[in-house]
Each structure stands twice: as C-alpha cells, then as structure tokens.
Amino acid sequence: MSQTVFARILNVSPSTVQKWEAPKAQKHPSGAAAKMLQLIEQNGIEAVL
C-alpha cells in the first residue's frame, strides 16, 4: 500500500507518514493515529476499513 493511501486511511498527510517511516525518524505517531496503527498491527488493515 502506498504512503498516500495509508495516510488517507489514517486521516493524516502523506508527509506525516513519510516522517514516521524515515530511517532517523524524530516524529512518532501519537493519539488517535497511534491507536489506529496498533489496531492495524494487531488485526490487519481490514480492521479500520
């Protein structure tokens, strides 16, 4: 899945997803985005679609 599509699912900007995935990321997901990522990790992307 592209970062753009993933960003739309999480309702964040594509640049935010890029920053999270950067090798030396200084930005980490928090709040609702962090919870959503946890749900996706545990149950797959289908859990939030």
C-alpha atoms as a PDB file:
ATOM      1  CA  MET A   1       0.000   0.000   0.000  1.00  0.00           C
ATOM      2  CA  SER A   2       1.327   3.429  -0.850  1.00  0.00           C
ATOM      3  CA  GLN A   3       2.049   6.018   1.804  1.00  0.00           C
ATOM      4  CA  THR A   4      -0.601   8.258   0.234  1.00  0.00           C
ATOM      5  CA  VAL A   5      -3.324   5.614   0.551  1.00  0.00           C
ATOM      6  CA  PHE A   6      -2.228   4.736   4.077  1.00  0.00           C
ATOM      7  CA  ALA A   7      -2.255   8.426   5.029  1.00  0.00           C
ATOM      8  CA  ARG A   8      -5.829   8.752   3.754  1.00  0.00           C
ATOM      9  CA  ILE A   9      -6.925   5.773   5.836  1.00  0.00           C
ATOM     10  CA  LEU A  10      -5.375   7.335   8.955  1.00  0.00           C
ATOM     11  CA  ASN A  11      -6.569  10.831   8.023  1.00  0.00           C
ATOM     12  CA  VAL A  12      -3.068  12.296   8.147  1.00  0.00           C
ATOM     13  CA  SER A  13      -0.922  13.879   5.448  1.00  0.00           C
ATOM     14  CA  PRO A  14       1.357  11.753   3.279  1.00  0.00           C
ATOM     15  CA  SER A  15       4.316  13.766   4.556  1.00  0.00           C
ATOM     16  CA  THR A  16       3.444  12.708   8.109  1.00  0.00           C
ATOM     17  CA  VAL A  17       3.584   9.036   7.108  1.00  0.00           C
ATOM     18  CA  GLN A  18       6.902   9.689   5.346  1.00  0.00           C
ATOM     19  CA  LYS A  19       8.296  11.251   8.516  1.00  0.00           C
ATOM     20  CA  TRP A  20       7.148   8.268  10.604  1.00  0.00           C
ATOM     21  CA  GLU A  21       8.892   5.888   8.214  1.00  0.00           C
ATOM     22  CA  ALA A  22      12.129   7.855   7.847  1.00  0.00           C
ATOM     23  CA  PRO A  23      15.200   5.878   8.999  1.00  0.00           C
ATOM     24  CA  LYS A  24      16.090   8.520  11.573  1.00  0.00           C
ATOM     25  CA  ALA A  25      12.514   9.467  12.385  1.00  0.00           C
ATOM     26  CA  GLN A  26      12.134  12.091  15.034  1.00  0.00           C
ATOM     27  CA  LYS A  27       8.375  12.136  14.590  1.00  0.00           C
ATOM     28  CA  HIS A  28       6.301   9.316  16.007  1.00  0.00           C
ATOM     29  CA  PRO A  29       2.573   8.739  15.819  1.00  0.00           C
ATOM     30  CA  SER A  30       0.551   9.725  18.865  1.00  0.00           C
ATOM     31  CA  GLY A  31      -3.040   9.925  19.988  1.00  0.00           C
ATOM     32  CA  ALA A  32      -5.655   8.558  17.614  1.00  0.00           C
ATOM     33  CA  ALA A  33      -3.081   7.748  14.906  1.00  0.00           C
ATOM     34  CA  ALA A  34      -1.045   5.638  17.330  1.00  0.00           C
ATOM     35  CA  LYS A  35      -4.175   3.741  18.404  1.00  0.00           C
ATOM     36  CA  MET A  36      -5.180   3.201  14.778  1.00  0.00           C
ATOM     37  CA  LEU A  37      -1.718   1.838  13.952  1.00  0.00           C
ATOM     38  CA  GLN A  38      -1.941  -0.510  16.917  1.00  0.00           C
ATOM     39  CA  LEU A  39      -5.296  -1.827  15.689  1.00  0.00           C
ATOM     40  CA  ILE A  40      -3.890  -2.309  12.186  1.00  0.00           C
ATOM     41  CA  GLU A  41      -0.851  -4.136  13.517  1.00  0.00           C
ATOM     42  CA  GLN A  42      -2.964  -6.484  15.625  1.00  0.00           C
ATOM     43  CA  ASN A  43      -5.897  -7.077  13.256  1.00  0.00           C
ATOM     44  CA  GLY A  44      -4.761  -6.070   9.769  1.00  0.00           C
ATOM     45  CA  ILE A  45      -5.785  -3.105   7.667  1.00  0.00           C
ATOM     46  CA  GLU A  46      -9.291  -4.537   7.324  1.00  0.00           C
ATOM     47  CA  ALA A  47      -9.931  -3.553  10.952  1.00  0.00           C
ATOM     48  CA  VAL A  48     -10.111   0.117  10.006  1.00  0.00           C
ATOM     49  CA  LEU A  49     -11.644  -0.010   6.552  1.00  0.00           C
END
